[in-house]
N, C-alpha and C. Protein backbone atom coordinates (compact mmCIF):
# COMPACT_ATOMS: atom_id res chain seq x y z
N MET A 1 0.83 -1.18 0.00
CA MET A 1 0.00 0.00 0.00
C MET A 1 0.87 1.24 0.00
N THR A 2 0.33 2.29 -0.48
CA THR A 2 1.06 3.55 -0.51
C THR A 2 0.45 4.51 0.50
N ASP A 3 1.30 5.37 1.05
CA ASP A 3 0.82 6.34 2.02
C ASP A 3 0.19 7.55 1.34
N ASN A 4 0.69 7.88 0.19
CA ASN A 4 0.19 9.04 -0.53
C ASN A 4 -0.69 8.58 -1.67
N LYS A 5 -1.97 8.98 -1.63
CA LYS A 5 -2.90 8.44 -2.63
C LYS A 5 -2.60 8.91 -4.04
N SER A 6 -1.74 9.93 -4.21
CA SER A 6 -1.39 10.39 -5.55
C SER A 6 -0.19 9.63 -6.11
N SER A 7 0.50 8.83 -5.29
CA SER A 7 1.67 8.09 -5.80
C SER A 7 1.21 6.88 -6.61
N PHE A 8 2.07 6.51 -7.52
CA PHE A 8 1.75 5.42 -8.46
C PHE A 8 2.35 4.12 -7.96
N HIS A 9 1.58 3.06 -7.91
CA HIS A 9 2.06 1.77 -7.42
C HIS A 9 2.86 1.06 -8.52
N PRO A 10 4.02 0.46 -8.19
CA PRO A 10 4.88 -0.18 -9.20
C PRO A 10 4.20 -1.31 -9.97
N ALA A 11 3.26 -1.99 -9.39
CA ALA A 11 2.59 -3.10 -10.09
C ALA A 11 1.79 -2.59 -11.28
N LEU A 12 1.32 -1.37 -11.18
CA LEU A 12 0.51 -0.81 -12.27
C LEU A 12 1.35 -0.42 -13.48
N ALA A 13 2.67 -0.42 -13.32
CA ALA A 13 3.57 -0.08 -14.42
C ALA A 13 3.83 -1.27 -15.35
N VAL A 14 3.42 -2.47 -14.95
CA VAL A 14 3.66 -3.66 -15.77
C VAL A 14 2.64 -3.67 -16.90
N SER A 15 3.13 -3.39 -18.11
CA SER A 15 2.22 -3.36 -19.25
C SER A 15 2.11 -4.71 -19.94
N ASN A 16 3.14 -5.55 -19.79
CA ASN A 16 3.10 -6.88 -20.41
C ASN A 16 3.77 -7.88 -19.47
N ILE A 17 2.97 -8.63 -18.75
CA ILE A 17 3.51 -9.59 -17.78
C ILE A 17 4.37 -10.65 -18.44
N ARG A 18 4.17 -10.90 -19.74
CA ARG A 18 4.94 -11.91 -20.46
C ARG A 18 6.43 -11.51 -20.57
N ASN A 19 6.74 -10.24 -20.33
CA ASN A 19 8.14 -9.83 -20.30
C ASN A 19 8.81 -10.32 -19.02
N HIS A 20 8.05 -10.60 -17.99
CA HIS A 20 8.57 -11.07 -16.72
C HIS A 20 8.40 -12.58 -16.55
N ILE A 21 7.28 -13.09 -17.02
CA ILE A 21 6.97 -14.52 -16.91
C ILE A 21 6.79 -15.03 -18.33
N PHE A 22 7.85 -15.58 -18.86
CA PHE A 22 7.92 -15.90 -20.29
C PHE A 22 7.51 -17.33 -20.61
N ILE A 23 7.02 -18.08 -19.62
CA ILE A 23 6.51 -19.42 -19.89
C ILE A 23 5.01 -19.43 -19.63
N THR A 24 4.33 -20.37 -20.27
CA THR A 24 2.90 -20.56 -20.05
C THR A 24 2.72 -21.83 -19.24
N LEU A 25 2.05 -21.70 -18.12
CA LEU A 25 1.78 -22.87 -17.29
C LEU A 25 0.71 -23.73 -17.95
N GLU A 26 1.04 -25.01 -18.18
CA GLU A 26 0.13 -25.94 -18.84
C GLU A 26 0.11 -27.25 -18.07
N MET A 27 -0.96 -28.00 -18.24
CA MET A 27 -1.04 -29.32 -17.63
C MET A 27 -0.09 -30.30 -18.31
N GLU A 28 0.07 -30.18 -19.62
CA GLU A 28 0.87 -31.14 -20.38
C GLU A 28 2.37 -30.94 -20.18
N ASN A 29 2.80 -29.71 -20.01
CA ASN A 29 4.22 -29.41 -19.89
C ASN A 29 4.43 -28.80 -18.51
N VAL A 30 4.57 -29.65 -17.53
CA VAL A 30 4.54 -29.23 -16.14
C VAL A 30 5.80 -28.43 -15.79
N GLN A 31 5.60 -27.15 -15.62
CA GLN A 31 6.67 -26.26 -15.17
C GLN A 31 6.16 -25.41 -14.01
N TYR A 32 5.34 -26.02 -13.18
CA TYR A 32 4.70 -25.26 -12.11
C TYR A 32 5.72 -24.57 -11.21
N SER A 33 6.75 -25.27 -10.77
CA SER A 33 7.72 -24.68 -9.84
C SER A 33 8.40 -23.47 -10.46
N THR A 34 8.79 -23.58 -11.71
CA THR A 34 9.45 -22.47 -12.40
C THR A 34 8.48 -21.31 -12.56
N TRP A 35 7.27 -21.61 -13.02
CA TRP A 35 6.25 -20.57 -13.21
C TRP A 35 5.95 -19.87 -11.89
N ALA A 36 5.74 -20.65 -10.83
CA ALA A 36 5.40 -20.07 -9.53
C ALA A 36 6.53 -19.20 -9.01
N GLU A 37 7.76 -19.64 -9.18
CA GLU A 37 8.90 -18.85 -8.72
C GLU A 37 9.00 -17.53 -9.49
N LEU A 38 8.81 -17.58 -10.81
CA LEU A 38 8.84 -16.35 -11.61
C LEU A 38 7.72 -15.39 -11.18
N LEU A 39 6.55 -15.94 -10.91
CA LEU A 39 5.44 -15.10 -10.49
C LEU A 39 5.71 -14.49 -9.11
N LYS A 40 6.25 -15.28 -8.18
CA LYS A 40 6.55 -14.76 -6.85
C LYS A 40 7.61 -13.65 -6.92
N ILE A 41 8.62 -13.84 -7.73
CA ILE A 41 9.67 -12.83 -7.88
C ILE A 41 9.07 -11.54 -8.43
N THR A 42 8.26 -11.66 -9.46
CA THR A 42 7.63 -10.48 -10.07
C THR A 42 6.71 -9.79 -9.08
N ALA A 43 5.90 -10.56 -8.37
CA ALA A 43 4.99 -9.98 -7.38
C ALA A 43 5.78 -9.28 -6.27
N HIS A 44 6.85 -9.90 -5.82
CA HIS A 44 7.67 -9.30 -4.76
C HIS A 44 8.31 -8.01 -5.24
N SER A 45 8.88 -8.03 -6.44
CA SER A 45 9.57 -6.84 -6.94
C SER A 45 8.61 -5.69 -7.24
N HIS A 46 7.32 -6.01 -7.41
CA HIS A 46 6.32 -4.97 -7.67
C HIS A 46 5.42 -4.73 -6.45
N LYS A 47 5.86 -5.24 -5.30
CA LYS A 47 5.22 -4.97 -4.01
C LYS A 47 3.77 -5.44 -3.92
N VAL A 48 3.49 -6.62 -4.51
CA VAL A 48 2.14 -7.20 -4.43
C VAL A 48 2.16 -8.69 -4.04
N LEU A 49 3.27 -9.14 -3.48
CA LEU A 49 3.38 -10.56 -3.10
C LEU A 49 2.27 -10.96 -2.13
N HIS A 50 1.85 -10.04 -1.27
CA HIS A 50 0.80 -10.35 -0.29
C HIS A 50 -0.55 -10.64 -0.95
N HIS A 51 -0.68 -10.39 -2.24
CA HIS A 51 -1.93 -10.71 -2.95
C HIS A 51 -2.00 -12.19 -3.33
N ILE A 52 -0.86 -12.88 -3.31
CA ILE A 52 -0.88 -14.32 -3.60
C ILE A 52 -0.41 -15.15 -2.42
N ILE A 53 0.46 -14.59 -1.60
CA ILE A 53 0.97 -15.31 -0.43
C ILE A 53 0.81 -14.40 0.78
N SER A 54 -0.09 -14.76 1.64
CA SER A 54 -0.35 -13.97 2.83
C SER A 54 0.79 -14.13 3.82
N PRO A 55 1.19 -13.03 4.49
CA PRO A 55 2.25 -13.14 5.49
C PRO A 55 1.85 -14.05 6.65
N THR A 56 0.55 -14.21 6.87
CA THR A 56 0.06 -15.16 7.88
C THR A 56 -0.75 -16.21 7.14
N ASN A 57 -1.37 -17.10 7.84
CA ASN A 57 -2.20 -18.12 7.20
C ASN A 57 -3.59 -17.60 6.85
N ASP A 58 -3.88 -16.35 7.22
CA ASP A 58 -5.18 -15.77 6.89
C ASP A 58 -5.17 -15.30 5.44
N LYS A 59 -6.36 -15.12 4.89
CA LYS A 59 -6.48 -14.53 3.56
C LYS A 59 -6.01 -13.09 3.63
N ALA A 60 -5.55 -12.57 2.50
CA ALA A 60 -5.14 -11.17 2.44
C ALA A 60 -6.33 -10.29 2.85
N LYS A 61 -6.05 -9.36 3.70
CA LYS A 61 -7.11 -8.51 4.24
C LYS A 61 -7.31 -7.30 3.34
N VAL A 62 -8.56 -7.01 3.03
CA VAL A 62 -8.91 -5.81 2.29
C VAL A 62 -8.92 -4.66 3.30
N PRO A 63 -8.22 -3.56 3.00
CA PRO A 63 -8.19 -2.44 3.95
C PRO A 63 -9.57 -1.85 4.20
N ALA A 64 -9.70 -1.14 5.32
CA ALA A 64 -10.99 -0.55 5.70
C ALA A 64 -11.20 0.83 5.09
N ILE A 65 -10.13 1.60 4.89
CA ILE A 65 -10.24 2.95 4.34
C ILE A 65 -10.59 2.85 2.87
N GLU A 66 -11.55 3.65 2.43
CA GLU A 66 -12.10 3.54 1.07
C GLU A 66 -11.05 3.71 -0.03
N ASP A 67 -10.17 4.70 0.08
CA ASP A 67 -9.12 4.90 -0.94
C ASP A 67 -8.17 3.70 -0.99
N GLU A 68 -7.80 3.20 0.17
CA GLU A 68 -6.92 2.04 0.22
C GLU A 68 -7.63 0.79 -0.30
N LYS A 69 -8.91 0.69 -0.02
CA LYS A 69 -9.71 -0.44 -0.50
C LYS A 69 -9.74 -0.46 -2.03
N GLU A 70 -9.90 0.71 -2.63
CA GLU A 70 -9.93 0.81 -4.09
C GLU A 70 -8.57 0.43 -4.69
N LEU A 71 -7.48 0.92 -4.10
CA LEU A 71 -6.15 0.56 -4.59
C LEU A 71 -5.91 -0.94 -4.41
N TRP A 72 -6.29 -1.49 -3.25
CA TRP A 72 -6.12 -2.92 -3.02
C TRP A 72 -6.86 -3.73 -4.08
N SER A 73 -8.08 -3.34 -4.37
CA SER A 73 -8.90 -4.04 -5.37
C SER A 73 -8.27 -3.95 -6.76
N THR A 74 -7.76 -2.78 -7.10
CA THR A 74 -7.10 -2.59 -8.40
C THR A 74 -5.84 -3.45 -8.49
N LEU A 75 -5.05 -3.46 -7.43
CA LEU A 75 -3.83 -4.27 -7.43
C LEU A 75 -4.15 -5.77 -7.49
N ASP A 76 -5.19 -6.18 -6.78
CA ASP A 76 -5.57 -7.59 -6.80
C ASP A 76 -6.01 -8.00 -8.21
N ALA A 77 -6.77 -7.15 -8.85
CA ALA A 77 -7.20 -7.43 -10.23
C ALA A 77 -6.00 -7.48 -11.17
N THR A 78 -5.00 -6.63 -10.92
CA THR A 78 -3.78 -6.64 -11.72
C THR A 78 -3.05 -7.97 -11.57
N VAL A 79 -2.86 -8.41 -10.34
CA VAL A 79 -2.17 -9.68 -10.10
C VAL A 79 -2.99 -10.85 -10.66
N LEU A 80 -4.29 -10.79 -10.51
CA LEU A 80 -5.15 -11.83 -11.07
C LEU A 80 -5.00 -11.89 -12.59
N SER A 81 -4.92 -10.73 -13.22
CA SER A 81 -4.73 -10.71 -14.68
C SER A 81 -3.37 -11.27 -15.05
N TRP A 82 -2.35 -11.07 -14.21
CA TRP A 82 -1.03 -11.68 -14.46
C TRP A 82 -1.15 -13.21 -14.44
N LEU A 83 -1.86 -13.72 -13.45
CA LEU A 83 -2.05 -15.17 -13.36
C LEU A 83 -2.75 -15.69 -14.61
N TYR A 84 -3.86 -15.08 -14.95
CA TYR A 84 -4.64 -15.54 -16.09
C TYR A 84 -3.86 -15.45 -17.40
N ALA A 85 -3.01 -14.44 -17.54
CA ALA A 85 -2.26 -14.23 -18.78
C ALA A 85 -1.10 -15.20 -18.95
N THR A 86 -0.75 -15.91 -17.89
CA THR A 86 0.43 -16.79 -17.96
C THR A 86 0.09 -18.27 -17.82
N ILE A 87 -1.19 -18.60 -17.95
CA ILE A 87 -1.59 -20.01 -17.89
C ILE A 87 -2.32 -20.37 -19.19
N SER A 88 -2.38 -21.66 -19.46
CA SER A 88 -3.05 -22.14 -20.67
C SER A 88 -4.55 -21.90 -20.59
N ASN A 89 -5.20 -21.93 -21.75
CA ASN A 89 -6.66 -21.77 -21.79
C ASN A 89 -7.37 -22.84 -20.99
N ASP A 90 -6.87 -24.07 -21.05
CA ASP A 90 -7.49 -25.16 -20.28
C ASP A 90 -7.46 -24.87 -18.78
N LEU A 91 -6.30 -24.41 -18.29
CA LEU A 91 -6.20 -24.08 -16.87
C LEU A 91 -7.07 -22.87 -16.53
N LEU A 92 -7.09 -21.90 -17.41
CA LEU A 92 -7.90 -20.71 -17.19
C LEU A 92 -9.37 -21.10 -17.03
N HIS A 93 -9.88 -21.94 -17.92
CA HIS A 93 -11.27 -22.35 -17.84
C HIS A 93 -11.53 -23.22 -16.60
N THR A 94 -10.51 -23.88 -16.10
CA THR A 94 -10.65 -24.70 -14.91
C THR A 94 -10.77 -23.86 -13.64
N ILE A 95 -10.00 -22.77 -13.56
CA ILE A 95 -9.95 -22.02 -12.30
C ILE A 95 -10.77 -20.74 -12.27
N ILE A 96 -11.13 -20.20 -13.42
CA ILE A 96 -11.79 -18.89 -13.42
C ILE A 96 -13.19 -18.98 -12.81
N GLU A 97 -13.49 -17.98 -11.98
CA GLU A 97 -14.83 -17.86 -11.42
C GLU A 97 -15.07 -16.41 -11.04
N PRO A 98 -16.32 -16.00 -11.05
CA PRO A 98 -16.64 -14.59 -10.76
C PRO A 98 -16.15 -14.18 -9.37
N ASP A 99 -15.66 -12.97 -9.29
CA ASP A 99 -15.26 -12.33 -8.03
C ASP A 99 -14.13 -13.05 -7.29
N ALA A 100 -13.34 -13.84 -8.00
CA ALA A 100 -12.20 -14.51 -7.36
C ALA A 100 -11.09 -13.49 -7.11
N THR A 101 -10.34 -13.72 -6.06
CA THR A 101 -9.17 -12.89 -5.80
C THR A 101 -7.95 -13.55 -6.41
N ALA A 102 -6.86 -12.82 -6.47
CA ALA A 102 -5.61 -13.38 -6.97
C ALA A 102 -5.18 -14.56 -6.10
N MET A 103 -5.36 -14.42 -4.80
CA MET A 103 -4.98 -15.51 -3.89
C MET A 103 -5.84 -16.75 -4.12
N ASP A 104 -7.12 -16.58 -4.42
CA ASP A 104 -7.99 -17.72 -4.73
C ASP A 104 -7.45 -18.48 -5.94
N ALA A 105 -7.13 -17.74 -7.00
CA ALA A 105 -6.62 -18.37 -8.23
C ALA A 105 -5.27 -19.02 -7.98
N TRP A 106 -4.39 -18.34 -7.25
CA TRP A 106 -3.06 -18.87 -6.92
C TRP A 106 -3.20 -20.20 -6.18
N ASN A 107 -4.06 -20.23 -5.18
CA ASN A 107 -4.25 -21.44 -4.38
C ASN A 107 -4.85 -22.58 -5.20
N LYS A 108 -5.78 -22.27 -6.09
CA LYS A 108 -6.36 -23.32 -6.96
C LYS A 108 -5.28 -23.93 -7.85
N LEU A 109 -4.44 -23.08 -8.43
CA LEU A 109 -3.37 -23.59 -9.30
C LEU A 109 -2.39 -24.44 -8.49
N ARG A 110 -2.03 -23.97 -7.30
CA ARG A 110 -1.14 -24.75 -6.44
C ARG A 110 -1.75 -26.11 -6.13
N ASP A 111 -3.03 -26.12 -5.81
CA ASP A 111 -3.70 -27.39 -5.49
C ASP A 111 -3.72 -28.32 -6.69
N ILE A 112 -3.99 -27.78 -7.87
CA ILE A 112 -4.02 -28.62 -9.08
C ILE A 112 -2.68 -29.31 -9.28
N PHE A 113 -1.60 -28.57 -9.14
CA PHE A 113 -0.29 -29.15 -9.43
C PHE A 113 0.29 -29.92 -8.26
N GLN A 114 0.02 -29.51 -7.04
CA GLN A 114 0.54 -30.25 -5.90
C GLN A 114 -0.24 -31.55 -5.68
N ASP A 115 -1.57 -31.52 -5.87
CA ASP A 115 -2.37 -32.72 -5.68
C ASP A 115 -2.09 -33.77 -6.76
N ASN A 116 -1.71 -33.33 -7.95
CA ASN A 116 -1.46 -34.25 -9.06
C ASN A 116 0.02 -34.58 -9.23
N LYS A 117 0.82 -34.21 -8.28
CA LYS A 117 2.26 -34.36 -8.39
C LYS A 117 2.67 -35.81 -8.69
N HIS A 118 2.10 -36.75 -7.97
CA HIS A 118 2.50 -38.16 -8.15
C HIS A 118 2.03 -38.72 -9.49
N SER A 119 0.85 -38.36 -9.92
CA SER A 119 0.39 -38.86 -11.22
C SER A 119 1.21 -38.24 -12.35
N HIS A 120 1.59 -36.97 -12.19
CA HIS A 120 2.47 -36.34 -13.19
C HIS A 120 3.82 -37.05 -13.22
N GLU A 121 4.32 -37.37 -12.04
CA GLU A 121 5.62 -38.04 -11.96
C GLU A 121 5.58 -39.39 -12.68
N VAL A 122 4.55 -40.16 -12.47
CA VAL A 122 4.43 -41.48 -13.12
C VAL A 122 4.37 -41.32 -14.63
N THR A 123 3.56 -40.39 -15.11
CA THR A 123 3.42 -40.16 -16.54
C THR A 123 4.73 -39.68 -17.16
N LEU A 124 5.37 -38.71 -16.51
CA LEU A 124 6.62 -38.18 -17.03
C LEU A 124 7.73 -39.22 -17.01
N GLU A 125 7.77 -40.01 -15.96
CA GLU A 125 8.79 -41.06 -15.84
C GLU A 125 8.65 -42.08 -16.98
N ALA A 126 7.42 -42.48 -17.26
CA ALA A 126 7.18 -43.43 -18.36
C ALA A 126 7.59 -42.82 -19.69
N GLU A 127 7.24 -41.57 -19.90
CA GLU A 127 7.61 -40.91 -21.16
C GLU A 127 9.12 -40.76 -21.28
N PHE A 128 9.77 -40.37 -20.19
CA PHE A 128 11.23 -40.22 -20.20
C PHE A 128 11.91 -41.54 -20.54
N SER A 129 11.49 -42.60 -19.88
CA SER A 129 12.10 -43.92 -20.08
C SER A 129 11.86 -44.49 -21.48
N ASN A 130 10.80 -44.06 -22.13
CA ASN A 130 10.45 -44.60 -23.46
C ASN A 130 10.75 -43.65 -24.61
N THR A 131 11.46 -42.57 -24.35
CA THR A 131 11.80 -41.62 -25.41
C THR A 131 12.93 -42.18 -26.25
N LYS A 132 12.69 -42.25 -27.55
CA LYS A 132 13.67 -42.81 -28.50
C LYS A 132 13.92 -41.81 -29.60
N MET A 133 15.14 -41.76 -30.08
CA MET A 133 15.53 -40.82 -31.11
C MET A 133 14.75 -41.01 -32.41
N GLU A 134 14.36 -42.23 -32.70
CA GLU A 134 13.64 -42.52 -33.95
C GLU A 134 12.34 -41.74 -34.09
N ASN A 135 11.81 -41.22 -32.98
CA ASN A 135 10.56 -40.47 -33.00
C ASN A 135 10.75 -38.97 -33.21
N PHE A 136 11.99 -38.55 -33.49
CA PHE A 136 12.30 -37.13 -33.64
C PHE A 136 12.99 -36.87 -34.97
N PRO A 137 12.83 -35.67 -35.51
CA PRO A 137 13.41 -35.37 -36.82
C PRO A 137 14.93 -35.27 -36.82
N ASN A 138 15.53 -34.99 -35.64
CA ASN A 138 16.99 -34.87 -35.56
C ASN A 138 17.45 -35.06 -34.12
N THR A 139 18.77 -35.13 -33.95
CA THR A 139 19.33 -35.37 -32.61
C THR A 139 19.04 -34.19 -31.67
N SER A 140 19.04 -32.99 -32.22
CA SER A 140 18.79 -31.82 -31.38
C SER A 140 17.39 -31.89 -30.76
N ALA A 141 16.39 -32.21 -31.56
CA ALA A 141 15.02 -32.32 -31.04
C ALA A 141 14.92 -33.43 -30.00
N TYR A 142 15.61 -34.54 -30.26
CA TYR A 142 15.62 -35.67 -29.32
C TYR A 142 16.24 -35.24 -27.98
N CYS A 143 17.38 -34.60 -28.04
CA CYS A 143 18.06 -34.17 -26.81
C CYS A 143 17.25 -33.12 -26.06
N GLN A 144 16.63 -32.20 -26.79
CA GLN A 144 15.80 -31.18 -26.16
C GLN A 144 14.62 -31.81 -25.43
N ARG A 145 14.03 -32.83 -26.04
CA ARG A 145 12.89 -33.48 -25.40
C ARG A 145 13.31 -34.20 -24.12
N LEU A 146 14.44 -34.89 -24.16
CA LEU A 146 14.93 -35.56 -22.95
C LEU A 146 15.20 -34.53 -21.85
N LYS A 147 15.83 -33.43 -22.20
CA LYS A 147 16.14 -32.39 -21.22
C LYS A 147 14.85 -31.78 -20.66
N SER A 148 13.87 -31.55 -21.52
CA SER A 148 12.59 -31.00 -21.09
C SER A 148 11.89 -31.95 -20.12
N LEU A 149 11.89 -33.24 -20.44
CA LEU A 149 11.26 -34.22 -19.54
C LEU A 149 12.01 -34.29 -18.20
N ALA A 150 13.34 -34.22 -18.25
CA ALA A 150 14.12 -34.24 -17.01
C ALA A 150 13.80 -33.00 -16.16
N ASP A 151 13.66 -31.85 -16.81
CA ASP A 151 13.30 -30.62 -16.09
C ASP A 151 11.91 -30.74 -15.47
N GLN A 152 10.98 -31.31 -16.21
CA GLN A 152 9.62 -31.48 -15.69
C GLN A 152 9.60 -32.45 -14.52
N LEU A 153 10.39 -33.51 -14.60
CA LEU A 153 10.48 -34.44 -13.47
C LEU A 153 11.05 -33.74 -12.24
N LYS A 154 12.05 -32.90 -12.44
CA LYS A 154 12.61 -32.14 -11.32
C LYS A 154 11.54 -31.25 -10.70
N ASN A 155 10.70 -30.64 -11.55
CA ASN A 155 9.65 -29.75 -11.06
C ASN A 155 8.57 -30.45 -10.26
N VAL A 156 8.42 -31.77 -10.43
CA VAL A 156 7.44 -32.50 -9.62
C VAL A 156 8.13 -33.27 -8.49
N GLY A 157 9.39 -32.94 -8.23
CA GLY A 157 10.09 -33.52 -7.10
C GLY A 157 10.77 -34.84 -7.37
N ALA A 158 11.03 -35.17 -8.64
CA ALA A 158 11.70 -36.43 -8.99
C ALA A 158 12.87 -36.13 -9.93
N PRO A 159 13.91 -35.49 -9.41
CA PRO A 159 15.01 -35.10 -10.29
C PRO A 159 15.72 -36.29 -10.94
N VAL A 160 16.18 -36.06 -12.16
CA VAL A 160 16.91 -37.07 -12.93
C VAL A 160 18.39 -36.72 -12.82
N SER A 161 19.21 -37.69 -12.43
CA SER A 161 20.65 -37.42 -12.31
C SER A 161 21.26 -37.21 -13.70
N GLU A 162 22.39 -36.53 -13.71
CA GLU A 162 23.10 -36.28 -14.97
C GLU A 162 23.47 -37.59 -15.66
N SER A 163 23.95 -38.57 -14.88
CA SER A 163 24.34 -39.85 -15.49
C SER A 163 23.12 -40.59 -16.05
N ARG A 164 22.00 -40.53 -15.36
CA ARG A 164 20.79 -41.20 -15.87
C ARG A 164 20.32 -40.53 -17.16
N LEU A 165 20.45 -39.23 -17.24
CA LEU A 165 20.08 -38.50 -18.44
C LEU A 165 20.96 -38.93 -19.62
N VAL A 166 22.24 -39.07 -19.37
CA VAL A 166 23.18 -39.51 -20.42
C VAL A 166 22.87 -40.95 -20.84
N ILE A 167 22.61 -41.81 -19.86
CA ILE A 167 22.31 -43.22 -20.16
C ILE A 167 21.02 -43.32 -20.99
N GLN A 168 20.00 -42.54 -20.63
CA GLN A 168 18.75 -42.56 -21.40
C GLN A 168 19.00 -42.05 -22.81
N LEU A 169 19.80 -41.02 -22.94
CA LEU A 169 20.14 -40.48 -24.25
C LEU A 169 20.78 -41.56 -25.11
N VAL A 170 21.76 -42.25 -24.57
CA VAL A 170 22.48 -43.29 -25.31
C VAL A 170 21.57 -44.47 -25.63
N SER A 171 20.76 -44.88 -24.67
CA SER A 171 19.92 -46.06 -24.90
C SER A 171 18.83 -45.82 -25.94
N GLY A 172 18.49 -44.57 -26.19
CA GLY A 172 17.45 -44.28 -27.17
C GLY A 172 17.97 -43.92 -28.56
N LEU A 173 19.28 -43.98 -28.74
CA LEU A 173 19.87 -43.63 -30.04
C LEU A 173 19.47 -44.64 -31.12
N THR A 174 19.44 -44.18 -32.35
CA THR A 174 19.16 -45.06 -33.49
C THR A 174 20.43 -45.84 -33.84
N SER A 175 20.30 -46.84 -34.70
CA SER A 175 21.44 -47.69 -35.06
C SER A 175 22.56 -46.89 -35.74
N ALA A 176 22.24 -45.79 -36.39
CA ALA A 176 23.27 -44.97 -37.03
C ALA A 176 24.24 -44.38 -36.01
N TYR A 177 23.81 -44.27 -34.77
CA TYR A 177 24.65 -43.70 -33.71
C TYR A 177 25.18 -44.76 -32.74
N ARG A 178 25.10 -46.02 -33.12
CA ARG A 178 25.51 -47.11 -32.23
C ARG A 178 26.96 -46.96 -31.78
N GLY A 179 27.85 -46.59 -32.72
CA GLY A 179 29.28 -46.42 -32.39
C GLY A 179 29.50 -45.33 -31.37
N VAL A 180 28.82 -44.21 -31.53
CA VAL A 180 28.93 -43.11 -30.58
C VAL A 180 28.41 -43.55 -29.22
N GLY A 181 27.29 -44.27 -29.24
CA GLY A 181 26.71 -44.77 -28.00
C GLY A 181 27.67 -45.68 -27.24
N THR A 182 28.35 -46.54 -27.98
CA THR A 182 29.32 -47.45 -27.35
C THR A 182 30.46 -46.67 -26.72
N LEU A 183 30.97 -45.68 -27.44
CA LEU A 183 32.05 -44.85 -26.89
C LEU A 183 31.62 -44.13 -25.62
N ILE A 184 30.42 -43.58 -25.62
CA ILE A 184 29.93 -42.86 -24.44
C ILE A 184 29.76 -43.81 -23.26
N ARG A 185 29.22 -45.00 -23.51
CA ARG A 185 29.02 -45.99 -22.44
C ARG A 185 30.34 -46.40 -21.79
N GLN A 186 31.42 -46.39 -22.58
CA GLN A 186 32.73 -46.84 -22.06
C GLN A 186 33.47 -45.76 -21.29
N CYS A 187 32.98 -44.53 -21.31
CA CYS A 187 33.61 -43.45 -20.58
C CYS A 187 33.39 -43.63 -19.08
N ASP A 188 34.44 -43.33 -18.31
CA ASP A 188 34.31 -43.38 -16.86
C ASP A 188 35.03 -42.19 -16.28
N PRO A 189 34.34 -41.21 -15.80
CA PRO A 189 32.89 -41.14 -15.64
C PRO A 189 32.22 -40.79 -16.96
N LEU A 190 30.91 -40.95 -16.97
CA LEU A 190 30.15 -40.59 -18.17
C LEU A 190 30.31 -39.10 -18.46
N PRO A 191 30.31 -38.73 -19.73
CA PRO A 191 30.42 -37.30 -20.05
C PRO A 191 29.15 -36.56 -19.62
N PRO A 192 29.24 -35.25 -19.45
CA PRO A 192 28.03 -34.49 -19.12
C PRO A 192 27.03 -34.52 -20.28
N PHE A 193 25.78 -34.32 -19.98
CA PHE A 193 24.72 -34.39 -20.99
C PHE A 193 24.95 -33.43 -22.13
N TYR A 194 25.39 -32.23 -21.86
CA TYR A 194 25.54 -31.25 -22.93
C TYR A 194 26.58 -31.70 -23.94
């Protein structure tokens, strides 16, 4: 909140939230931890973190003074629009409801991703283990997909070790890369993924 009603709040200066939060939160490409961290950093730097994370376990309190109440409402709508602008349409349609606060939407998104953490982990683990180069147009796309799946597993609390990432990369290579795969397997220690 500001003490002087003529002063401009920093959150209102954000004209394009996508300049701060450059990923879209989706159910299919789980990057909840990264998305949430980017949103918390942006909210903190623009002095509106209390609109999504209350300093206590209570809901954010709307001020009693009319001018402050209006600013609080405007800031909450701003943060809510940030949330809505950085999630997929499917998630938006899942969480949107009339008169919701930014904290309501934040908590719903947290619940969606935290409650489904184990099912996401199982799905991602199966996809990671079954990723083969033959399903991609080139090695770069194959490697990017493995890295993306490893990042998503880390985001749901199941990090993939560097050596496991290299082993999966090698095990999914096509026959044209068999010689390279053999050389990599014989390295001790295994080379880094990059």
